[in-house]
């Protein structure tokens, strides 16, 4: 459903987001999933980012996809770049 506020927003994929394709947990709900995409919502009038929304695919075979603020998600495993930095 599109609201009046949505009509004033640009929506774009954040193709370089660090969580894309990663397995994450949403601590507030305990749900685990893989980040499929992160969308950036930008105001057409101010050109400022209004919000970011991560879309997750579940890991529990429920088939119930969900969305969350990507800042609230925690990776289940460290990224390769973090592991390399820790072993130096």
N, C-alpha and C. Protein backbone atom coordinates (compact mmCIF):
# COMPACT_ATOMS: atom_id res chain seq x y z
N UNK A 1 0.83 -1.17 0.00
CA UNK A 1 0.00 0.00 0.00
C UNK A 1 0.88 1.24 0.00
N UNK A 2 0.63 2.17 -0.89
CA UNK A 2 1.40 3.40 -0.99
C UNK A 2 0.66 4.50 -0.25
N UNK A 3 1.38 5.21 0.63
CA UNK A 3 0.79 6.32 1.37
C UNK A 3 1.26 7.63 0.77
N UNK A 4 0.68 8.74 1.22
CA UNK A 4 1.08 10.06 0.73
C UNK A 4 2.55 10.32 1.03
N UNK A 5 3.02 9.87 2.20
CA UNK A 5 4.43 10.07 2.54
C UNK A 5 5.35 9.30 1.61
N UNK A 6 4.95 8.09 1.20
CA UNK A 6 5.77 7.28 0.31
C UNK A 6 5.95 7.95 -1.05
N UNK A 7 4.95 8.72 -1.48
CA UNK A 7 5.03 9.38 -2.78
C UNK A 7 6.12 10.45 -2.79
N UNK A 8 6.56 10.90 -1.62
CA UNK A 8 7.61 11.92 -1.53
C UNK A 8 8.99 11.33 -1.30
N UNK A 9 9.14 10.03 -1.53
CA UNK A 9 10.41 9.35 -1.27
C UNK A 9 10.95 8.69 -2.52
N UNK A 10 12.28 8.73 -2.67
CA UNK A 10 12.97 7.90 -3.66
C UNK A 10 13.35 6.62 -2.94
N UNK A 11 13.28 5.49 -3.62
CA UNK A 11 13.67 4.21 -3.03
C UNK A 11 14.75 3.60 -3.92
N UNK A 12 15.86 3.18 -3.31
CA UNK A 12 16.96 2.58 -4.06
C UNK A 12 17.56 1.44 -3.27
N UNK A 13 18.14 0.47 -3.99
CA UNK A 13 18.87 -0.63 -3.34
C UNK A 13 20.20 -0.12 -2.81
N UNK A 14 20.57 -0.57 -1.63
CA UNK A 14 21.90 -0.31 -1.08
C UNK A 14 22.74 -1.53 -1.43
N UNK A 15 23.24 -1.57 -2.65
CA UNK A 15 23.95 -2.76 -3.16
C UNK A 15 25.28 -3.02 -2.48
N UNK A 16 25.80 -2.05 -1.76
CA UNK A 16 27.08 -2.23 -1.10
C UNK A 16 26.96 -2.44 0.40
N UNK A 17 25.75 -2.65 0.90
CA UNK A 17 25.57 -2.78 2.35
C UNK A 17 26.33 -4.00 2.86
N UNK A 18 26.99 -3.83 3.99
CA UNK A 18 27.86 -4.88 4.56
C UNK A 18 27.12 -6.14 4.99
N UNK A 19 25.81 -6.07 5.19
CA UNK A 19 25.06 -7.26 5.63
C UNK A 19 24.42 -8.04 4.48
N UNK A 20 24.48 -7.55 3.26
CA UNK A 20 23.85 -8.26 2.14
C UNK A 20 24.36 -9.68 2.03
N UNK A 21 23.44 -10.62 1.97
CA UNK A 21 23.79 -12.03 1.82
C UNK A 21 24.26 -12.70 3.09
N UNK A 22 24.33 -11.95 4.17
CA UNK A 22 24.83 -12.51 5.43
C UNK A 22 23.71 -13.03 6.30
N UNK A 23 24.04 -14.01 7.12
CA UNK A 23 23.10 -14.54 8.09
C UNK A 23 23.14 -13.64 9.32
N UNK A 24 21.95 -13.21 9.77
CA UNK A 24 21.85 -12.27 10.87
C UNK A 24 20.79 -12.73 11.86
N UNK A 25 20.83 -12.11 13.04
CA UNK A 25 19.78 -12.29 14.04
C UNK A 25 19.23 -10.91 14.36
N UNK A 26 17.93 -10.85 14.56
CA UNK A 26 17.28 -9.63 15.03
C UNK A 26 17.04 -9.83 16.53
N UNK A 27 17.89 -9.22 17.38
CA UNK A 27 17.82 -9.49 18.82
C UNK A 27 16.45 -9.25 19.44
N UNK A 28 15.71 -8.25 18.98
CA UNK A 28 14.41 -7.94 19.60
C UNK A 28 13.39 -9.05 19.41
N UNK A 29 13.49 -9.79 18.30
CA UNK A 29 12.52 -10.86 18.04
C UNK A 29 13.14 -12.25 18.14
N UNK A 30 14.47 -12.32 18.08
CA UNK A 30 15.15 -13.61 18.09
C UNK A 30 15.15 -14.31 16.73
N UNK A 31 14.54 -13.68 15.73
CA UNK A 31 14.47 -14.31 14.40
C UNK A 31 15.83 -14.27 13.74
N UNK A 32 16.09 -15.32 12.95
CA UNK A 32 17.34 -15.44 12.20
C UNK A 32 17.01 -15.53 10.73
N UNK A 33 17.84 -14.88 9.92
CA UNK A 33 17.59 -14.92 8.49
C UNK A 33 18.78 -14.43 7.71
N UNK A 34 18.62 -14.44 6.41
CA UNK A 34 19.65 -13.96 5.48
C UNK A 34 19.17 -12.65 4.88
N UNK A 35 20.02 -11.63 4.89
CA UNK A 35 19.64 -10.33 4.34
C UNK A 35 19.60 -10.43 2.82
N UNK A 36 18.41 -10.26 2.26
CA UNK A 36 18.22 -10.36 0.80
C UNK A 36 18.47 -9.02 0.12
N UNK A 37 18.02 -7.95 0.74
CA UNK A 37 18.22 -6.61 0.17
C UNK A 37 18.10 -5.57 1.27
N UNK A 38 18.70 -4.43 1.05
CA UNK A 38 18.54 -3.28 1.94
C UNK A 38 18.10 -2.12 1.05
N UNK A 39 16.97 -1.51 1.42
CA UNK A 39 16.45 -0.38 0.66
C UNK A 39 16.72 0.91 1.40
N UNK A 40 17.05 1.95 0.63
CA UNK A 40 17.28 3.29 1.17
C UNK A 40 16.13 4.17 0.72
N UNK A 41 15.46 4.82 1.66
CA UNK A 41 14.37 5.74 1.36
C UNK A 41 14.91 7.16 1.55
N UNK A 42 14.87 7.96 0.47
CA UNK A 42 15.41 9.31 0.49
C UNK A 42 14.29 10.30 0.17
N UNK A 43 14.23 11.39 0.93
CA UNK A 43 13.23 12.43 0.70
C UNK A 43 13.48 13.12 -0.63
N UNK A 44 12.42 13.26 -1.44
CA UNK A 44 12.54 13.97 -2.72
C UNK A 44 12.74 15.47 -2.50
N UNK A 45 12.24 16.00 -1.40
CA UNK A 45 12.33 17.44 -1.18
C UNK A 45 13.63 17.86 -0.51
N UNK A 46 14.15 17.06 0.42
CA UNK A 46 15.37 17.44 1.14
C UNK A 46 16.60 16.66 0.71
N UNK A 47 16.41 15.59 -0.04
CA UNK A 47 17.49 14.71 -0.49
C UNK A 47 18.24 14.05 0.68
N UNK A 48 17.57 13.93 1.82
CA UNK A 48 18.17 13.27 2.99
C UNK A 48 17.58 11.87 3.14
N UNK A 49 18.41 10.95 3.62
CA UNK A 49 17.94 9.58 3.87
C UNK A 49 16.96 9.62 5.04
N UNK A 50 15.77 9.08 4.79
CA UNK A 50 14.71 9.05 5.80
C UNK A 50 14.79 7.75 6.60
N UNK A 51 15.04 6.64 5.90
CA UNK A 51 15.16 5.35 6.59
C UNK A 51 15.84 4.34 5.68
N UNK A 52 16.31 3.28 6.29
CA UNK A 52 16.85 2.11 5.59
C UNK A 52 16.07 0.91 6.10
N UNK A 53 15.75 0.00 5.20
CA UNK A 53 14.97 -1.18 5.57
C UNK A 53 15.64 -2.42 4.99
N UNK A 54 15.97 -3.37 5.86
CA UNK A 54 16.53 -4.65 5.43
C UNK A 54 15.40 -5.66 5.26
N UNK A 55 15.47 -6.43 4.19
CA UNK A 55 14.50 -7.50 3.93
C UNK A 55 15.20 -8.83 4.13
N UNK A 56 14.66 -9.66 5.02
CA UNK A 56 15.29 -10.93 5.36
C UNK A 56 14.48 -12.13 4.93
N UNK A 57 15.23 -13.17 4.56
CA UNK A 57 14.63 -14.49 4.30
C UNK A 57 14.91 -15.34 5.53
N UNK A 58 13.91 -16.04 6.02
CA UNK A 58 14.07 -16.80 7.26
C UNK A 58 14.99 -18.01 7.10
N UNK A 59 15.64 -18.36 8.20
CA UNK A 59 16.49 -19.56 8.22
C UNK A 59 15.75 -20.74 8.84
N UNK A 60 14.53 -20.51 9.35
CA UNK A 60 13.81 -21.57 10.06
C UNK A 60 12.79 -22.31 9.21
N UNK A 61 12.86 -22.15 7.90
CA UNK A 61 11.94 -22.82 6.97
C UNK A 61 10.47 -22.43 7.16
N UNK A 62 10.22 -21.31 7.87
CA UNK A 62 8.83 -20.87 8.07
C UNK A 62 8.28 -20.23 6.80
N UNK A 63 9.16 -19.71 5.96
CA UNK A 63 8.73 -19.02 4.76
C UNK A 63 8.25 -17.61 5.02
N UNK A 64 8.28 -17.17 6.25
CA UNK A 64 7.80 -15.83 6.61
C UNK A 64 8.95 -14.83 6.56
N UNK A 65 9.03 -14.11 5.44
CA UNK A 65 10.05 -13.07 5.30
C UNK A 65 9.63 -11.88 6.15
N UNK A 66 10.60 -11.05 6.53
CA UNK A 66 10.28 -9.88 7.34
C UNK A 66 11.27 -8.76 7.05
N UNK A 67 10.95 -7.58 7.59
CA UNK A 67 11.81 -6.41 7.42
C UNK A 67 12.23 -5.89 8.78
N UNK A 68 13.36 -5.17 8.78
CA UNK A 68 13.86 -4.58 10.02
C UNK A 68 14.82 -3.45 9.68
N UNK A 69 15.09 -2.63 10.67
CA UNK A 69 16.12 -1.61 10.54
C UNK A 69 17.46 -2.35 10.49
N UNK A 70 18.26 -2.15 9.43
CA UNK A 70 19.52 -2.90 9.35
C UNK A 70 20.46 -2.61 10.52
N UNK A 71 20.31 -1.45 11.15
CA UNK A 71 21.15 -1.13 12.31
C UNK A 71 20.83 -1.97 13.53
N UNK A 72 19.67 -2.63 13.53
CA UNK A 72 19.28 -3.46 14.67
C UNK A 72 19.70 -4.92 14.49
N UNK A 73 20.29 -5.25 13.36
CA UNK A 73 20.66 -6.65 13.07
C UNK A 73 22.09 -6.94 13.48
N UNK A 74 22.32 -8.18 13.90
CA UNK A 74 23.66 -8.61 14.28
C UNK A 74 24.05 -9.81 13.44
N UNK A 75 25.24 -9.77 12.81
CA UNK A 75 25.69 -10.92 12.03
C UNK A 75 25.88 -12.13 12.93
N UNK A 76 25.54 -13.32 12.41
CA UNK A 76 25.75 -14.55 13.18
C UNK A 76 27.21 -14.98 13.16
N UNK A 77 27.91 -14.62 12.10
CA UNK A 77 29.34 -14.95 11.97
C UNK A 77 30.10 -13.68 11.61
N UNK A 78 31.34 -13.56 12.07
CA UNK A 78 32.12 -12.39 11.66
C UNK A 78 32.40 -12.41 10.16
N UNK A 79 32.54 -11.23 9.58
CA UNK A 79 32.87 -11.17 8.16
C UNK A 79 34.31 -11.56 7.95
N UNK A 80 34.66 -11.93 6.73
CA UNK A 80 36.03 -12.34 6.41
C UNK A 80 37.02 -11.23 6.70
N UNK A 81 36.65 -9.97 6.46
CA UNK A 81 37.56 -8.85 6.71
C UNK A 81 37.81 -8.69 8.21
N UNK A 82 36.79 -8.94 9.05
CA UNK A 82 36.98 -8.85 10.50
C UNK A 82 37.87 -9.98 11.00
N UNK A 83 37.70 -11.17 10.47
CA UNK A 83 38.51 -12.32 10.87
C UNK A 83 39.97 -12.06 10.50
N UNK A 84 40.22 -11.55 9.30
CA UNK A 84 41.59 -11.28 8.87
C UNK A 84 42.24 -10.24 9.76
N UNK A 85 41.50 -9.22 10.16
CA UNK A 85 42.05 -8.18 11.03
C UNK A 85 42.37 -8.72 12.41
N UNK A 86 41.55 -9.67 12.91
CA UNK A 86 41.77 -10.24 14.24
C UNK A 86 42.98 -11.17 14.29
N UNK A 87 43.38 -11.74 13.16
CA UNK A 87 44.48 -12.71 13.17
C UNK A 87 45.83 -12.06 12.89
N UNK A 88 45.85 -10.76 12.69
CA UNK A 88 47.13 -10.07 12.43
C UNK A 88 47.91 -9.87 13.67
